[in-house]
Amino acid sequence: MFEIGRLCVKIAGRDAGLKCIVVEVIDNNYVLIDGQTRRRKCNVKHLEPLDKVLKVKKGVSHGDVLKELKKEKIEVKEKVKRIKKVKTGEAKTGEKPKAKETVKKQEKPELKKEIAKEKPAAKPKKAVKKDESKPKKTVVKKAKKKTVKKAKSVKAKKPKK
């Protein structure tokens, strides 16, 4: 049922609802698929076979699978590979980075004077002066003593005989 070139729809997992082609039969339960899905081993229980069988060879490349799907008018979204920078850890797309232009702005001294005139000078903060002539009062709270009454033990005296 799942021979090489069989057009299928993935019904389970992350790629569910996408079309694929069986590229290689691994065993009774697993096949290698490629197409709109990721190229990977897949359980046959997660595939729904369609009526069409495309003419492809065993282990065909991803590019050839895309050509066969285009012949059947099935669009495959191209994936952009990401490149990670080692030092900064930022991810970039495979495109070449654009060179940044550095332009230094030179301001005329006349403009600086005008800008200084427009902005009012910041008011200095008032310093808080402490009145050192008055001594500080320290308040000491006395702890209350709790009185605990001890029960007196009463010894019974035995009469002497």
Protein backbone atom coordinates (compact mmCIF):
# COMPACT_ATOMS: atom_id res chain seq x y z
CA MET A 1 0.00 0.00 0.00
CA PHE A 2 2.80 2.45 0.89
CA GLU A 3 5.17 2.05 -2.05
CA ILE A 4 7.85 4.53 -3.16
CA GLY A 5 6.31 7.59 -4.80
CA ARG A 6 2.91 7.31 -3.06
CA LEU A 7 1.36 10.74 -2.43
CA CYS A 8 0.05 10.98 1.15
CA VAL A 9 -1.41 13.44 3.65
CA LYS A 10 0.06 13.55 7.13
CA ILE A 11 -2.82 13.23 9.65
CA ALA A 12 -0.97 13.39 12.97
CA GLY A 13 1.77 15.47 14.54
CA ARG A 14 3.26 18.87 13.87
CA ASP A 15 2.99 18.55 10.08
CA ALA A 16 -0.63 17.36 10.10
CA GLY A 17 -2.62 18.31 7.00
CA LEU A 18 0.45 18.65 4.74
CA LYS A 19 1.13 16.55 1.65
CA CYS A 20 4.18 14.34 1.26
CA ILE A 21 5.71 11.63 -0.89
CA VAL A 22 6.97 8.27 0.35
CA VAL A 23 10.69 8.30 -0.49
CA GLU A 24 11.72 5.00 1.08
CA VAL A 25 9.99 2.08 2.82
CA ILE A 26 11.86 1.25 6.04
CA ASP A 27 9.72 -1.64 7.33
CA ASN A 28 6.04 -2.57 7.72
CA ASN A 29 5.36 0.30 10.14
CA TYR A 30 7.71 3.11 9.04
CA VAL A 31 8.43 5.02 5.83
CA LEU A 32 10.69 7.97 4.94
CA ILE A 33 8.64 10.94 3.74
CA ASP A 34 9.46 14.31 2.16
CA GLY A 35 7.53 17.19 0.59
CA GLN A 36 5.58 19.92 2.36
CA THR A 37 6.53 18.15 5.60
CA ARG A 38 9.97 17.74 7.09
CA ARG A 39 12.02 14.89 5.60
CA ARG A 40 11.83 12.23 8.27
CA LYS A 41 10.83 8.75 9.30
CA CYS A 42 7.07 8.49 9.84
CA ASN A 43 4.69 5.87 11.18
CA VAL A 44 2.29 4.63 8.50
CA LYS A 45 -0.58 5.07 10.98
CA HIS A 46 0.06 8.84 10.76
CA LEU A 47 -0.36 8.90 6.96
CA GLU A 48 -3.45 8.87 4.75
CA PRO A 49 -2.53 7.53 1.27
CA LEU A 50 -3.94 9.34 -1.78
CA ASP A 51 -4.73 7.82 -5.19
CA LYS A 52 -1.65 9.18 -7.03
CA VAL A 53 1.72 7.46 -7.25
CA LEU A 54 4.53 9.65 -8.60
CA LYS A 55 7.49 8.28 -10.54
CA VAL A 56 10.45 8.73 -8.18
CA LYS A 57 13.43 6.55 -7.33
CA LYS A 58 14.28 5.21 -3.87
CA GLY A 59 16.02 7.83 -1.70
CA VAL A 60 15.37 10.72 -4.11
CA SER A 61 16.70 14.16 -3.05
CA HIS A 62 14.58 16.96 -1.61
CA GLY A 63 14.99 19.06 -4.77
CA ASP A 64 13.64 16.28 -6.98
CA VAL A 65 10.68 15.80 -4.62
CA LEU A 66 9.87 19.51 -4.94
CA LYS A 67 9.97 19.26 -8.76
CA GLU A 68 7.54 16.33 -8.71
CA LEU A 69 5.16 18.19 -6.41
CA LYS A 70 5.27 21.27 -8.69
CA LYS A 71 4.27 19.05 -11.63
CA GLU A 72 1.21 18.01 -9.59
CA LYS A 73 0.54 21.72 -8.82
CA ILE A 74 1.23 21.32 -5.11
CA GLU A 75 2.99 24.38 -3.67
CA VAL A 76 5.82 23.84 -1.20
CA LYS A 77 6.86 26.69 1.05
CA GLU A 78 10.62 27.27 0.89
CA LYS A 79 12.25 27.25 4.30
CA VAL A 80 14.88 29.88 5.21
CA LYS A 81 17.90 28.42 6.91
CA ARG A 82 19.04 30.25 10.02
CA ILE A 83 22.67 30.81 10.91
CA LYS A 84 23.64 31.29 14.53
CA LYS A 85 26.43 33.60 15.58
CA VAL A 86 28.83 31.94 17.97
CA LYS A 87 29.86 35.02 19.94
CA THR A 88 26.57 36.87 20.41
CA GLY A 89 24.14 33.99 20.06
CA GLU A 90 21.87 35.96 17.70
CA ALA A 91 20.18 34.10 14.87
CA LYS A 92 20.31 35.48 11.35
CA THR A 93 18.73 34.44 8.09
CA GLY A 94 20.90 33.15 5.26
CA GLU A 95 20.88 36.55 3.53
CA LYS A 96 23.97 38.73 3.43
CA PRO A 97 23.94 41.50 6.05
CA LYS A 98 23.72 45.05 4.76
CA ALA A 99 26.59 47.36 5.57
CA LYS A 100 25.67 50.06 8.04
CA GLU A 101 26.59 53.58 7.13
CA THR A 102 28.01 55.68 9.92
CA VAL A 103 27.41 59.38 9.54
CA LYS A 104 28.82 61.81 12.04
CA LYS A 105 26.74 64.90 12.61
CA GLN A 106 28.69 68.12 12.89
CA GLU A 107 26.88 70.90 14.63
CA LYS A 108 27.86 74.49 14.11
CA PRO A 109 28.79 76.49 17.23
CA GLU A 110 26.04 79.01 16.36
CA LEU A 111 23.38 76.31 16.66
CA LYS A 112 24.74 75.21 20.01
CA LYS A 113 24.35 78.77 21.33
CA GLU A 114 20.75 78.96 20.08
CA ILE A 115 19.90 75.65 21.68
CA ALA A 116 21.43 76.79 24.95
CA LYS A 117 19.30 79.98 24.84
CA GLU A 118 16.09 78.07 24.22
CA LYS A 119 16.53 75.68 27.10
CA PRO A 120 16.13 77.24 30.54
CA ALA A 121 18.87 76.43 32.97
CA ALA A 122 18.02 73.80 35.50
CA LYS A 123 17.27 75.18 38.94
CA PRO A 124 19.67 74.07 41.63
CA LYS A 125 18.19 71.86 44.28
CA LYS A 126 17.77 73.42 47.68
CA ALA A 127 20.09 71.97 50.24
CA VAL A 128 18.36 70.95 53.42
CA LYS A 129 20.21 72.42 56.38
CA LYS A 130 19.99 70.69 59.69
CA ASP A 131 19.55 72.83 62.73
CA GLU A 132 22.50 71.72 64.79
CA SER A 133 21.83 74.10 67.69
CA LYS A 134 19.07 71.90 69.08
CA PRO A 135 20.18 68.59 70.50
CA LYS A 136 18.31 65.53 69.41
CA LYS A 137 16.04 63.89 71.89
CA THR A 138 16.36 60.20 72.23
CA VAL A 139 13.40 58.29 73.49
CA VAL A 140 14.12 55.14 75.42
CA LYS A 141 11.24 52.84 76.15
CA LYS A 142 11.48 50.73 79.23
CA ALA A 143 10.42 47.17 78.95
CA LYS A 144 7.65 46.12 81.28
CA LYS A 145 8.52 43.37 83.65
CA LYS A 146 6.07 40.59 83.89
CA THR A 147 5.59 39.23 87.34
CA VAL A 148 5.13 35.55 87.56
CA LYS A 149 3.62 34.23 90.73
CA LYS A 150 5.07 30.97 91.79
CA ALA A 151 2.82 28.53 93.49
CA LYS A 152 4.11 27.55 96.92
CA SER A 153 4.39 23.90 97.43
CA VAL A 154 2.64 22.79 100.54
CA LYS A 155 4.17 19.85 102.33
CA ALA A 156 1.98 18.00 104.65
CA LYS A 157 3.63 17.44 107.99
CA LYS A 158 3.30 14.05 109.45
CA PRO A 159 2.57 13.92 113.13
CA LYS A 160 5.37 12.47 115.20
CA LYS A 161 4.57 9.53 117.40
